[in-house]
Amino acid sequence: MRRAFFLVLLLAACGPTGNSPDAVCERETNDDPQVKLIIIQQSAVTARAWQNPDELPAARNRAKRACLARLGVLPAGGGVEQVRQPESQYNGLF
């Protein structure tokens, strides 16, 4: 019983800490459906991660910005839309 208690304490210490909006949104980023889809696709087809190395960080950034906007930290609107990668598996060749 004592070992289980210390194991739980050790695992709790390894997790992300803080209650700031940035820390909360960083933890919620991996729960975003688009981020999960990209992770699944990249783990199933390893060439996808090599062809689009910026796809996962961009999706995580979009999810984090959406979370921060939802919490009221970021002002709504403004800025320029991020350039989107082609959806073709041939990376725009066809």
PDB file of N, CA and C in Angstrom:
ATOM      1  N   MET A   1       0.836  -1.191   0.000  1.00  0.00           N
ATOM      2  CA  MET A   1       0.000   0.000   0.000  1.00  0.00           C
ATOM      3  C   MET A   1       0.877   1.249   0.000  1.00  0.00           C
ATOM      4  N   ARG A   2       1.939   1.192   0.764  1.00  0.00           N
ATOM      5  CA  ARG A   2       2.833   2.343   0.848  1.00  0.00           C
ATOM      6  C   ARG A   2       3.525   2.603  -0.479  1.00  0.00           C
ATOM      7  N   ARG A   3       3.904   1.518  -1.154  1.00  0.00           N
ATOM      8  CA  ARG A   3       4.561   1.670  -2.450  1.00  0.00           C
ATOM      9  C   ARG A   3       3.628   2.300  -3.470  1.00  0.00           C
ATOM     10  N   ALA A   4       2.371   1.898  -3.446  1.00  0.00           N
ATOM     11  CA  ALA A   4       1.392   2.467  -4.385  1.00  0.00           C
ATOM     12  C   ALA A   4       1.216   3.964  -4.133  1.00  0.00           C
ATOM     13  N   PHE A   5       1.209   4.350  -2.876  1.00  0.00           N
ATOM     14  CA  PHE A   5       1.064   5.766  -2.532  1.00  0.00           C
ATOM     15  C   PHE A   5       2.234   6.581  -3.080  1.00  0.00           C
ATOM     16  N   PHE A   6       3.459   6.062  -2.891  1.00  0.00           N
ATOM     17  CA  PHE A   6       4.631   6.776  -3.399  1.00  0.00           C
ATOM     18  C   PHE A   6       4.680   6.788  -4.922  1.00  0.00           C
ATOM     19  N   LEU A   7       4.186   5.723  -5.527  1.00  0.00           N
ATOM     20  CA  LEU A   7       4.120   5.679  -6.990  1.00  0.00           C
ATOM     21  C   LEU A   7       3.157   6.736  -7.518  1.00  0.00           C
ATOM     22  N   VAL A   8       2.027   6.891  -6.866  1.00  0.00           N
ATOM     23  CA  VAL A   8       1.059   7.915  -7.267  1.00  0.00           C
ATOM     24  C   VAL A   8       1.656   9.303  -7.094  1.00  0.00           C
ATOM     25  N   LEU A   9       2.353   9.533  -5.999  1.00  0.00           N
ATOM     26  CA  LEU A   9       3.000  10.829  -5.790  1.00  0.00           C
ATOM     27  C   LEU A   9       4.058  11.109  -6.845  1.00  0.00           C
ATOM     28  N   LEU A  10       4.818  10.099  -7.192  1.00  0.00           N
ATOM     29  CA  LEU A  10       5.853  10.255  -8.204  1.00  0.00           C
ATOM     30  C   LEU A  10       5.251  10.571  -9.565  1.00  0.00           C
ATOM     31  N   LEU A  11       4.195   9.867  -9.934  1.00  0.00           N
ATOM     32  CA  LEU A  11       3.547  10.126 -11.218  1.00  0.00           C
ATOM     33  C   LEU A  11       2.878  11.502 -11.248  1.00  0.00           C
ATOM     34  N   ALA A  12       2.332  11.925 -10.142  1.00  0.00           N
ATOM     35  CA  ALA A  12       1.705  13.249 -10.094  1.00  0.00           C
ATOM     36  C   ALA A  12       2.740  14.353 -10.248  1.00  0.00           C
ATOM     37  N   ALA A  13       3.937  14.121  -9.744  1.00  0.00           N
ATOM     38  CA  ALA A  13       4.994  15.125  -9.856  1.00  0.00           C
ATOM     39  C   ALA A  13       5.508  15.249 -11.282  1.00  0.00           C
ATOM     40  N   CYS A  14       5.339  14.213 -12.096  1.00  0.00           N
ATOM     41  CA  CYS A  14       5.847  14.243 -13.468  1.00  0.00           C
ATOM     42  C   CYS A  14       4.912  14.986 -14.420  1.00  0.00           C
ATOM     43  N   GLY A  15       3.678  15.188 -14.064  1.00  0.00           N
ATOM     44  CA  GLY A  15       2.715  15.829 -14.951  1.00  0.00           C
ATOM     45  C   GLY A  15       2.932  17.325 -15.046  1.00  0.00           C
ATOM     46  N   PRO A  16       2.304  17.971 -16.061  1.00  0.00           N
ATOM     47  CA  PRO A  16       2.427  19.420 -16.195  1.00  0.00           C
ATOM     48  C   PRO A  16       1.788  20.120 -15.001  1.00  0.00           C
ATOM     49  N   THR A  17       2.428  21.186 -14.584  1.00  0.00           N
ATOM     50  CA  THR A  17       1.938  21.879 -13.395  1.00  0.00           C
ATOM     51  C   THR A  17       1.488  23.278 -13.768  1.00  0.00           C
ATOM     52  N   GLY A  18       0.778  23.902 -12.865  1.00  0.00           N
ATOM     53  CA  GLY A  18       0.351  25.279 -13.035  1.00  0.00           C
ATOM     54  C   GLY A  18      -1.109  25.376 -13.421  1.00  0.00           C
ATOM     55  N   ASN A  19      -1.722  26.465 -12.989  1.00  0.00           N
ATOM     56  CA  ASN A  19      -3.110  26.720 -13.315  1.00  0.00           C
ATOM     57  C   ASN A  19      -3.261  27.942 -14.204  1.00  0.00           C
ATOM     58  N   SER A  20      -2.158  28.418 -14.750  1.00  0.00           N
ATOM     59  CA  SER A  20      -2.250  29.567 -15.643  1.00  0.00           C
ATOM     60  C   SER A  20      -2.969  29.146 -16.922  1.00  0.00           C
ATOM     61  N   PRO A  21      -3.575  30.083 -17.634  1.00  0.00           N
ATOM     62  CA  PRO A  21      -4.248  29.731 -18.888  1.00  0.00           C
ATOM     63  C   PRO A  21      -3.308  29.051 -19.882  1.00  0.00           C
ATOM     64  N   ASP A  22      -2.046  29.467 -19.898  1.00  0.00           N
ATOM     65  CA  ASP A  22      -1.091  28.849 -20.813  1.00  0.00           C
ATOM     66  C   ASP A  22      -0.867  27.383 -20.465  1.00  0.00           C
ATOM     67  N   ALA A  23      -0.725  27.074 -19.184  1.00  0.00           N
ATOM     68  CA  ALA A  23      -0.502  25.689 -18.759  1.00  0.00           C
ATOM     69  C   ALA A  23      -1.748  24.835 -18.988  1.00  0.00           C
ATOM     70  N   VAL A  24      -2.911  25.400 -18.721  1.00  0.00           N
ATOM     71  CA  VAL A  24      -4.166  24.664 -18.931  1.00  0.00           C
ATOM     72  C   VAL A  24      -4.337  24.331 -20.406  1.00  0.00           C
ATOM     73  N   CYS A  25      -4.093  25.305 -21.273  1.00  0.00           N
ATOM     74  CA  CYS A  25      -4.263  25.080 -22.706  1.00  0.00           C
ATOM     75  C   CYS A  25      -3.197  24.144 -23.252  1.00  0.00           C
ATOM     76  N   GLU A  26      -2.010  24.170 -22.680  1.00  0.00           N
ATOM     77  CA  GLU A  26      -0.961  23.241 -23.111  1.00  0.00           C
ATOM     78  C   GLU A  26      -1.375  21.800 -22.822  1.00  0.00           C
ATOM     79  N   ARG A  27      -2.020  21.577 -21.673  1.00  0.00           N
ATOM     80  CA  ARG A  27      -2.485  20.227 -21.341  1.00  0.00           C
ATOM     81  C   ARG A  27      -3.657  19.813 -22.222  1.00  0.00           C
ATOM     82  N   GLU A  28      -4.530  20.764 -22.578  1.00  0.00           N
ATOM     83  CA  GLU A  28      -5.711  20.451 -23.392  1.00  0.00           C
ATOM     84  C   GLU A  28      -5.383  20.262 -24.873  1.00  0.00           C
ATOM     85  N   THR A  29      -4.205  20.675 -25.286  1.00  0.00           N
ATOM     86  CA  THR A  29      -3.847  20.620 -26.705  1.00  0.00           C
ATOM     87  C   THR A  29      -3.906  19.199 -27.254  1.00  0.00           C
ATOM     88  N   ASN A  30      -3.437  18.222 -26.496  1.00  0.00           N
ATOM     89  CA  ASN A  30      -3.438  16.846 -26.989  1.00  0.00           C
ATOM     90  C   ASN A  30      -4.822  16.219 -27.030  1.00  0.00           C
ATOM     91  N   ASP A  31      -5.823  16.857 -26.431  1.00  0.00           N
ATOM     92  CA  ASP A  31      -7.190  16.350 -26.484  1.00  0.00           C
ATOM     93  C   ASP A  31      -7.967  16.897 -27.672  1.00  0.00           C
ATOM     94  N   ASP A  32      -7.374  17.804 -28.439  1.00  0.00           N
ATOM     95  CA  ASP A  32      -8.038  18.371 -29.605  1.00  0.00           C
ATOM     96  C   ASP A  32      -8.237  17.280 -30.660  1.00  0.00           C
ATOM     97  N   PRO A  33      -9.427  17.191 -31.272  1.00  0.00           N
ATOM     98  CA  PRO A  33      -9.681  16.131 -32.260  1.00  0.00           C
ATOM     99  C   PRO A  33      -8.740  16.181 -33.470  1.00  0.00           C
ATOM    100  N   GLN A  34      -8.410  17.366 -33.946  1.00  0.00           N
ATOM    101  CA  GLN A  34      -7.520  17.481 -35.101  1.00  0.00           C
ATOM    102  C   GLN A  34      -6.110  17.006 -34.755  1.00  0.00           C
ATOM    103  N   VAL A  35      -5.641  17.334 -33.567  1.00  0.00           N
ATOM    104  CA  VAL A  35      -4.309  16.896 -33.131  1.00  0.00           C
ATOM    105  C   VAL A  35      -4.288  15.377 -32.986  1.00  0.00           C
ATOM    106  N   LYS A  36      -5.348  14.803 -32.396  1.00  0.00           N
ATOM    107  CA  LYS A  36      -5.425  13.355 -32.260  1.00  0.00           C
ATOM    108  C   LYS A  36      -5.423  12.669 -33.623  1.00  0.00           C
ATOM    109  N   LEU A  37      -6.166  13.232 -34.583  1.00  0.00           N
ATOM    110  CA  LEU A  37      -6.227  12.651 -35.924  1.00  0.00           C
ATOM    111  C   LEU A  37      -4.851  12.647 -36.582  1.00  0.00           C
ATOM    112  N   ILE A  38      -4.127  13.736 -36.467  1.00  0.00           N
ATOM    113  CA  ILE A  38      -2.790  13.816 -37.076  1.00  0.00           C
ATOM    114  C   ILE A  38      -1.833  12.832 -36.412  1.00  0.00           C
ATOM    115  N   ILE A  39      -1.907  12.705 -35.098  1.00  0.00           N
ATOM    116  CA  ILE A  39      -1.042  11.762 -34.391  1.00  0.00           C
ATOM    117  C   ILE A  39      -1.332  10.336 -34.845  1.00  0.00           C
ATOM    118  N   ILE A  40      -2.614   9.998 -34.977  1.00  0.00           N
ATOM    119  CA  ILE A  40      -2.987   8.654 -35.432  1.00  0.00           C
ATOM    120  C   ILE A  40      -2.507   8.418 -36.858  1.00  0.00           C
ATOM    121  N   GLN A  41      -2.711   9.412 -37.733  1.00  0.00           N
ATOM    122  CA  GLN A  41      -2.292   9.252 -39.121  1.00  0.00           C
ATOM    123  C   GLN A  41      -0.775   9.129 -39.235  1.00  0.00           C
ATOM    124  N   GLN A  42      -0.047   9.911 -38.463  1.00  0.00           N
ATOM    125  CA  GLN A  42       1.411   9.852 -38.543  1.00  0.00           C
ATOM    126  C   GLN A  42       1.958   8.566 -37.943  1.00  0.00           C
ATOM    127  N   SER A  43       1.267   7.998 -36.979  1.00  0.00           N
ATOM    128  CA  SER A  43       1.748   6.737 -36.425  1.00  0.00           C
ATOM    129  C   SER A  43       1.412   5.562 -37.337  1.00  0.00           C
ATOM    130  N   ALA A  44       0.340   5.686 -38.126  1.00  0.00           N
ATOM    131  CA  ALA A  44      -0.031   4.608 -39.046  1.00  0.00           C
ATOM    132  C   ALA A  44       0.824   4.629 -40.312  1.00  0.00           C
ATOM    133  N   VAL A  45       1.099   5.829 -40.821  1.00  0.00           N
ATOM    134  CA  VAL A  45       1.888   5.972 -42.048  1.00  0.00           C
ATOM    135  C   VAL A  45       3.088   6.846 -41.701  1.00  0.00           C
ATOM    136  N   THR A  46       4.228   6.239 -41.504  1.00  0.00           N
ATOM    137  CA  THR A  46       5.393   6.990 -41.034  1.00  0.00           C
ATOM    138  C   THR A  46       5.891   7.993 -42.068  1.00  0.00           C
ATOM    139  N   ALA A  47       5.633   7.763 -43.347  1.00  0.00           N
ATOM    140  CA  ALA A  47       6.078   8.705 -44.379  1.00  0.00           C
ATOM    141  C   ALA A  47       5.341  10.033 -44.259  1.00  0.00           C
ATOM    142  N   ARG A  48       4.137  10.013 -43.697  1.00  0.00           N
ATOM    143  CA  ARG A  48       3.367  11.250 -43.548  1.00  0.00           C
ATOM    144  C   ARG A  48       4.079  12.243 -42.628  1.00  0.00           C
ATOM    145  N   ALA A  49       4.703  11.750 -41.580  1.00  0.00           N
ATOM    146  CA  ALA A  49       5.418  12.633 -40.661  1.00  0.00           C
ATOM    147  C   ALA A  49       6.635  13.242 -41.338  1.00  0.00           C
ATOM    148  N   TRP A  50       7.258  12.494 -42.249  1.00  0.00           N
ATOM    149  CA  TRP A  50       8.429  13.022 -42.955  1.00  0.00           C
ATOM    150  C   TRP A  50       8.023  14.009 -44.034  1.00  0.00           C
ATOM    151  N   GLN A  51       6.885  13.786 -44.678  1.00  0.00           N
ATOM    152  CA  GLN A  51       6.453  14.673 -45.753  1.00  0.00           C
ATOM    153  C   GLN A  51       5.943  16.007 -45.211  1.00  0.00           C
ATOM    154  N   ASN A  52       5.296  15.974 -44.074  1.00  0.00           N
ATOM    155  CA  ASN A  52       4.712  17.187 -43.485  1.00  0.00           C
ATOM    156  C   ASN A  52       5.190  17.346 -42.046  1.00  0.00           C
ATOM    157  N   PRO A  53       6.450  17.720 -41.842  1.00  0.00           N
ATOM    158  CA  PRO A  53       6.955  17.788 -40.463  1.00  0.00           C
ATOM    159  C   PRO A  53       6.340  18.925 -39.650  1.00  0.00           C
ATOM    160  N   ASP A  54       5.781  19.938 -40.304  1.00  0.00           N
ATOM    161  CA  ASP A  54       5.211  21.074 -39.580  1.00  0.00           C
ATOM    162  C   ASP A  54       3.721  20.916 -39.310  1.00  0.00           C
ATOM    163  N   GLU A  55       3.129  19.822 -39.755  1.00  0.00           N
ATOM    164  CA  GLU A  55       1.683  19.647 -39.635  1.00  0.00           C
ATOM    165  C   GLU A  55       1.245  19.509 -38.177  1.00  0.00           C
ATOM    166  N   LEU A  56       1.912  18.663 -37.417  1.00  0.00           N
ATOM    167  CA  LEU A  56       1.524  18.457 -36.020  1.00  0.00           C
ATOM    168  C   LEU A  56       1.780  19.689 -35.155  1.00  0.00           C
ATOM    169  N   PRO A  57       2.954  20.346 -35.238  1.00  0.00           N
ATOM    170  CA  PRO A  57       3.128  21.571 -34.441  1.00  0.00           C
ATOM    171  C   PRO A  57       2.127  22.673 -34.808  1.00  0.00           C
ATOM    172  N   ALA A  58       1.774  22.766 -36.095  1.00  0.00           N
ATOM    173  CA  ALA A  58       0.797  23.781 -36.499  1.00  0.00           C
ATOM    174  C   ALA A  58      -0.581  23.470 -35.921  1.00  0.00           C
ATOM    175  N   ALA A  59      -0.965  22.198 -35.909  1.00  0.00           N
ATOM    176  CA  ALA A  59      -2.263  21.820 -35.334  1.00  0.00           C
ATOM    177  C   ALA A  59      -2.285  22.064 -33.828  1.00  0.00           C
ATOM    178  N   ARG A  60      -1.179  21.761 -33.170  1.00  0.00           N
ATOM    179  CA  ARG A  60      -1.109  22.031 -31.727  1.00  0.00           C
ATOM    180  C   ARG A  60      -1.184  23.534 -31.442  1.00  0.00           C
ATOM    181  N   ASN A  61      -0.526  24.323 -32.289  1.00  0.00           N
ATOM    182  CA  ASN A  61      -0.564  25.778 -32.129  1.00  0.00           C
ATOM    183  C   ASN A  61      -1.984  26.303 -32.322  1.00  0.00           C
ATOM    184  N   ARG A  62      -2.685  25.802 -33.356  1.00  0.00           N
ATOM    185  CA  ARG A  62      -4.074  26.235 -33.582  1.00  0.00           C
ATOM    186  C   ARG A  62      -4.961  25.866 -32.397  1.00  0.00           C
ATOM    187  N   ALA A  63      -4.778  24.645 -31.865  1.00  0.00           N
ATOM    188  CA  ALA A  63      -5.588  24.206 -30.726  1.00  0.00           C
ATOM    189  C   ALA A  63      -5.301  25.050 -29.490  1.00  0.00           C
ATOM    190  N   LYS A  64      -4.030  25.364 -29.270  1.00  0.00           N
ATOM    191  CA  LYS A  64      -3.673  26.173 -28.101  1.00  0.00           C
ATOM    192  C   LYS A  64      -4.216  27.595 -28.231  1.00  0.00           C
ATOM    193  N   ARG A  65      -4.123  28.173 -29.435  1.00  0.00           N
ATOM    194  CA  ARG A  65      -4.649  29.521 -29.639  1.00  0.00           C
ATOM    195  C   ARG A  65      -6.165  29.546 -29.479  1.00  0.00           C
ATOM    196  N   ALA A  66      -6.849  28.506 -29.951  1.00  0.00           N
ATOM    197  CA  ALA A  66      -8.301  28.432 -29.787  1.00  0.00           C
ATOM    198  C   ALA A  66      -8.675  28.318 -28.312  1.00  0.00           C
ATOM    199  N   CYS A  67      -7.903  27.551 -27.557  1.00  0.00           N
ATOM    200  CA  CYS A  67      -8.149  27.411 -26.120  1.00  0.00           C
ATOM    201  C   CYS A  67      -7.916  28.741 -25.398  1.00  0.00           C
ATOM    202  N   LEU A  68      -6.819  29.415 -25.744  1.00  0.00           N
ATOM    203  CA  LEU A  68      -6.538  30.709 -25.110  1.00  0.00           C
ATOM    204  C   LEU A  68      -7.605  31.738 -25.458  1.00  0.00           C
ATOM    205  N   ALA A  69      -8.103  31.701 -26.694  1.00  0.00           N
ATOM    206  CA  ALA A  69      -9.185  32.621 -27.078  1.00  0.00           C
ATOM    207  C   ALA A  69     -10.467  32.286 -26.320  1.00  0.00           C
ATOM    208  N   ARG A  70     -10.734  30.977 -26.135  1.00  0.00           N
ATOM    209  CA  ARG A  70     -11.923  30.561 -25.400  1.00  0.00           C
ATOM    210  C   ARG A  70     -11.860  31.017 -23.942  1.00  0.00           C
ATOM    211  N   LEU A  71     -10.654  31.024 -23.367  1.00  0.00           N
ATOM    212  CA  LEU A  71     -10.492  31.465 -21.981  1.00  0.00           C
ATOM    213  C   LEU A  71     -10.444  32.981 -21.850  1.00  0.00           C
ATOM    214  N   GLY A  72     -10.401  33.685 -22.977  1.00  0.00           N
ATOM    215  CA  GLY A  72     -10.418  35.136 -22.955  1.00  0.00           C
ATOM    216  C   GLY A  72      -9.051  35.783 -22.843  1.00  0.00           C
ATOM    217  N   VAL A  73      -7.985  35.021 -23.046  1.00  0.00           N
ATOM    218  CA  VAL A  73      -6.637  35.571 -22.941  1.00  0.00           C
ATOM    219  C   VAL A  73      -6.249  36.278 -24.231  1.00  0.00           C
ATOM    220  N   LEU A  74      -6.615  35.706 -25.376  1.00  0.00           N
ATOM    221  CA  LEU A  74      -6.308  36.303 -26.671  1.00  0.00           C
ATOM    222  C   LEU A  74      -7.508  37.098 -27.168  1.00  0.00           C
ATOM    223  N   PRO A  75      -7.275  38.255 -27.740  1.00  0.00           N
ATOM    224  CA  PRO A  75      -8.394  38.993 -28.321  1.00  0.00           C
ATOM    225  C   PRO A  75      -8.876  38.304 -29.592  1.00  0.00           C
ATOM    226  N   ALA A  76     -10.140  38.425 -29.886  1.00  0.00           N
ATOM    227  CA  ALA A  76     -10.712  37.792 -31.076  1.00  0.00           C
ATOM    228  C   ALA A  76     -10.396  38.611 -32.320  1.00  0.00           C
ATOM    229  N   GLY A  77     -10.230  37.913 -33.438  1.00  0.00           N
ATOM    230  CA  GLY A  77     -10.037  38.568 -34.731  1.00  0.00           C
ATOM    231  C   GLY A  77      -8.632  39.084 -34.937  1.00  0.00           C
ATOM    232  N   GLY A  78      -8.441  39.723 -36.107  1.00  0.00           N
ATOM    233  CA  GLY A  78      -7.151  40.307 -36.442  1.00  0.00           C
ATOM    234  C   GLY A  78      -6.164  39.282 -36.952  1.00  0.00           C
ATOM    235  N   GLY A  79      -5.082  39.778 -37.482  1.00  0.00           N
ATOM    236  CA  GLY A  79      -4.028  38.885 -37.942  1.00  0.00           C
ATOM    237  C   GLY A  79      -4.281  38.349 -39.329  1.00  0.00           C
ATOM    238  N   VAL A  80      -3.379  37.538 -39.772  1.00  0.00           N
ATOM    239  CA  VAL A  80      -3.455  36.939 -41.094  1.00  0.00           C
ATOM    240  C   VAL A  80      -3.632  35.439 -40.926  1.00  0.00           C
ATOM    241  N   GLU A  81      -4.478  34.868 -41.779  1.00  0.00           N
ATOM    242  CA  GLU A  81      -4.710  33.437 -41.695  1.00  0.00           C
ATOM    243  C   GLU A  81      -3.440  32.669 -42.052  1.00  0.00           C
ATOM    244  N   GLN A  82      -3.195  31.611 -41.328  1.00  0.00           N
ATOM    245  CA  GLN A  82      -2.011  30.797 -41.543  1.00  0.00           C
ATOM    246  C   GLN A  82      -2.123  30.058 -42.879  1.00  0.00           C
ATOM    247  N   VAL A  83      -0.996  29.917 -43.569  1.00  0.00           N
ATOM    248  CA  VAL A  83      -0.972  29.224 -44.854  1.00  0.00           C
ATOM    249  C   VAL A  83      -1.286  27.756 -44.619  1.00  0.00           C
ATOM    250  N   ARG A  84      -2.225  27.224 -45.413  1.00  0.00           N
ATOM    251  CA  ARG A  84      -2.627  25.830 -45.249  1.00  0.00           C
ATOM    252  C   ARG A  84      -1.884  24.954 -46.246  1.00  0.00           C
ATOM    253  N   GLN A  85      -1.513  23.786 -45.792  1.00  0.00           N
ATOM    254  CA  GLN A  85      -0.848  22.818 -46.651  1.00  0.00           C
ATOM    255  C   GLN A  85      -1.893  22.121 -47.515  1.00  0.00           C
ATOM    256  N   PRO A  86      -1.533  21.713 -48.727  1.00  0.00           N
ATOM    257  CA  PRO A  86      -2.476  20.984 -49.566  1.00  0.00           C
ATOM    258  C   PRO A  86      -2.875  19.663 -48.922  1.00  0.00           C
ATOM    259  N   GLU A  87      -4.090  19.248 -49.179  1.00  0.00           N
ATOM    260  CA  GLU A  87      -4.610  18.014 -48.569  1.00  0.00           C
ATOM    261  C   GLU A  87      -4.233  16.775 -49.375  1.00  0.00           C
ATOM    262  N   SER A  88      -3.616  16.954 -50.533  1.00  0.00           N
ATOM    263  CA  SER A  88      -3.259  15.823 -51.372  1.00  0.00           C
ATOM    264  C   SER A  88      -2.085  15.066 -50.777  1.00  0.00           C
ATOM    265  N   GLN A  89      -2.075  13.751 -50.946  1.00  0.00           N
ATOM    266  CA  GLN A  89      -0.944  12.981 -50.448  1.00  0.00           C
ATOM    267  C   GLN A  89       0.287  13.190 -51.316  1.00  0.00           C
ATOM    268  N   TYR A  90       0.100  13.860 -52.455  1.00  0.00           N
ATOM    269  CA  TYR A  90       1.227  14.135 -53.340  1.00  0.00           C
ATOM    270  C   TYR A  90       1.800  15.526 -53.112  1.00  0.00           C
ATOM    271  N   ASN A  91       1.350  16.218 -52.057  1.00  0.00           N
ATOM    272  CA  ASN A  91       1.856  17.533 -51.672  1.00  0.00           C
ATOM    273  C   ASN A  91       1.735  18.564 -52.794  1.00  0.00           C
ATOM    274  N   GLY A  92       0.613  18.558 -53.475  1.00  0.00           N
ATOM    275  CA  GLY A  92       0.354  19.589 -54.473  1.00  0.00           C
ATOM    276  C   GLY A  92       0.968  19.338 -55.835  1.00  0.00           C
ATOM    277  N   LEU A  93       1.495  18.155 -56.087  1.00  0.00           N
ATOM    278  CA  LEU A  93       2.085  17.880 -57.391  1.00  0.00           C
ATOM    279  C   LEU A  93       1.021  17.691 -58.459  1.00  0.00           C
ATOM    280  N   PHE A  94      -0.175  17.261 -58.057  1.00  0.00           N
ATOM    281  CA  PHE A  94      -1.250  17.036 -59.020  1.00  0.00           C
ATOM    282  C   PHE A  94      -2.414  17.936 -58.746  1.00  0.00           C
TER     283      PHE A  94
END
